Structure formats: C-alpha cells, structure tokens
Amino acid sequence: MTTTDQIAPQQPQFLTVAEVATILNLSRCHVYQLISEGEIPSGQFGKSIRVPRQWINRRIAEITGDTDNDE
C-alpha cells in the first residue's frame, strides 16, 4: 500500500444543500425550491437534508456530455 492510498480521503456519499448550491452555482434557496419540486432528489437525516453525490455527478455529466463519469 502506498502513502497515497493511505491518505486518500473518501468523498461523502451525500452533500448538504449548501454544498450542492456551491457546486451548481445556485442559491441555497433555489436548491431548496428544486428539492421541494422534486427536481433534485434528497433524503432527510435527522434535521438535515442531503443530496446524493452520485446524482450530482450524473447531472454534471449529462450537462457537459461527459459519459465516462460513472461515479
């Protein structure tokens, strides 16, 4: 095992609304609106709303035409 393998952080499977807003360059309010309209899938963990990172990755791939992004 290399040093890189030991320290490579694993990305979280779910993102906060603020993280999604930053990634998609939208306001948090707009992200909440899209979630309530069913445009963005989400789940509630306690009092927090989370969005699957895999959905974000697929959506970005659709927009950019990058079909090799299978995360």
Protein backbone atom coordinates (compact mmCIF):
# COMPACT_ATOMS: atom_id res chain seq x y z
CA MET A 1 0.00 0.00 0.00
CA THR A 2 1.41 3.39 -0.94
CA THR A 3 1.28 6.56 1.09
CA THR A 4 -1.25 7.98 -1.37
CA ASP A 5 -3.56 5.01 -0.77
CA GLN A 6 -3.38 5.57 2.96
CA ILE A 7 -4.26 9.27 2.94
CA ALA A 8 -6.69 9.48 0.02
CA PRO A 9 -9.91 10.79 1.60
CA GLN A 10 -13.16 9.22 0.54
CA GLN A 11 -15.76 11.68 -0.70
CA PRO A 12 -19.01 11.72 1.25
CA GLN A 13 -21.92 9.97 -0.46
CA PHE A 14 -24.32 12.78 0.43
CA LEU A 15 -23.94 16.55 0.15
CA THR A 16 -25.51 19.37 2.12
CA VAL A 17 -27.79 21.88 0.44
CA ALA A 18 -25.03 24.49 0.77
CA GLU A 19 -22.52 22.19 -0.96
CA VAL A 20 -24.98 21.47 -3.78
CA ALA A 21 -25.62 25.21 -4.18
CA THR A 22 -21.90 25.87 -4.47
CA ILE A 23 -21.30 23.05 -6.96
CA LEU A 24 -24.24 24.04 -9.17
CA ASN A 25 -23.65 27.79 -8.71
CA LEU A 26 -27.18 28.30 -7.36
CA SER A 27 -28.51 29.93 -4.22
CA ARG A 28 -29.41 27.70 -1.28
CA CYS A 29 -32.98 28.97 -1.58
CA HIS A 30 -33.14 27.84 -5.21
CA VAL A 31 -31.75 24.41 -4.29
CA TYR A 32 -34.43 24.04 -1.59
CA GLN A 33 -37.05 25.03 -4.16
CA LEU A 34 -35.77 22.44 -6.66
CA ILE A 35 -35.79 19.79 -3.92
CA SER A 36 -39.39 20.63 -2.95
CA GLU A 37 -40.42 20.46 -6.63
CA GLY A 38 -38.79 17.03 -6.97
CA GLU A 39 -36.16 18.24 -9.45
CA ILE A 40 -33.32 17.31 -7.09
CA PRO A 41 -33.57 14.04 -5.14
CA SER A 42 -32.90 14.27 -1.43
CA GLY A 43 -33.19 12.49 1.86
CA GLN A 44 -33.60 13.74 5.38
CA PHE A 45 -31.12 12.64 8.03
CA GLY A 46 -32.33 13.96 11.34
CA LYS A 47 -32.97 17.64 10.71
CA SER A 48 -30.57 17.81 7.76
CA ILE A 49 -31.42 17.45 4.09
CA ARG A 50 -28.83 15.67 1.97
CA VAL A 51 -28.47 15.16 -1.78
CA PRO A 52 -26.77 12.06 -3.22
CA ARG A 53 -23.35 12.93 -4.65
CA GLN A 54 -23.94 10.32 -7.36
CA TRP A 55 -26.94 12.32 -8.66
CA ILE A 56 -24.82 15.50 -8.79
CA ASN A 57 -22.06 13.67 -10.67
CA ARG A 58 -24.53 12.20 -13.18
CA ARG A 59 -26.28 15.53 -13.70
CA ILE A 60 -22.98 17.31 -14.35
CA ALA A 61 -22.01 14.55 -16.79
CA GLU A 62 -25.33 14.98 -18.63
CA ILE A 63 -24.84 18.72 -18.91
CA THR A 64 -21.22 18.53 -20.04
CA GLY A 65 -21.67 15.46 -22.24
CA ASP A 66 -19.06 13.54 -20.21
CA THR A 67 -20.40 9.97 -20.42
CA ASP A 68 -17.29 8.50 -18.76
CA ASN A 69 -18.32 9.88 -15.35
CA ASP A 70 -19.81 6.76 -13.72
CA GLU A 71 -19.42 7.63 -10.03
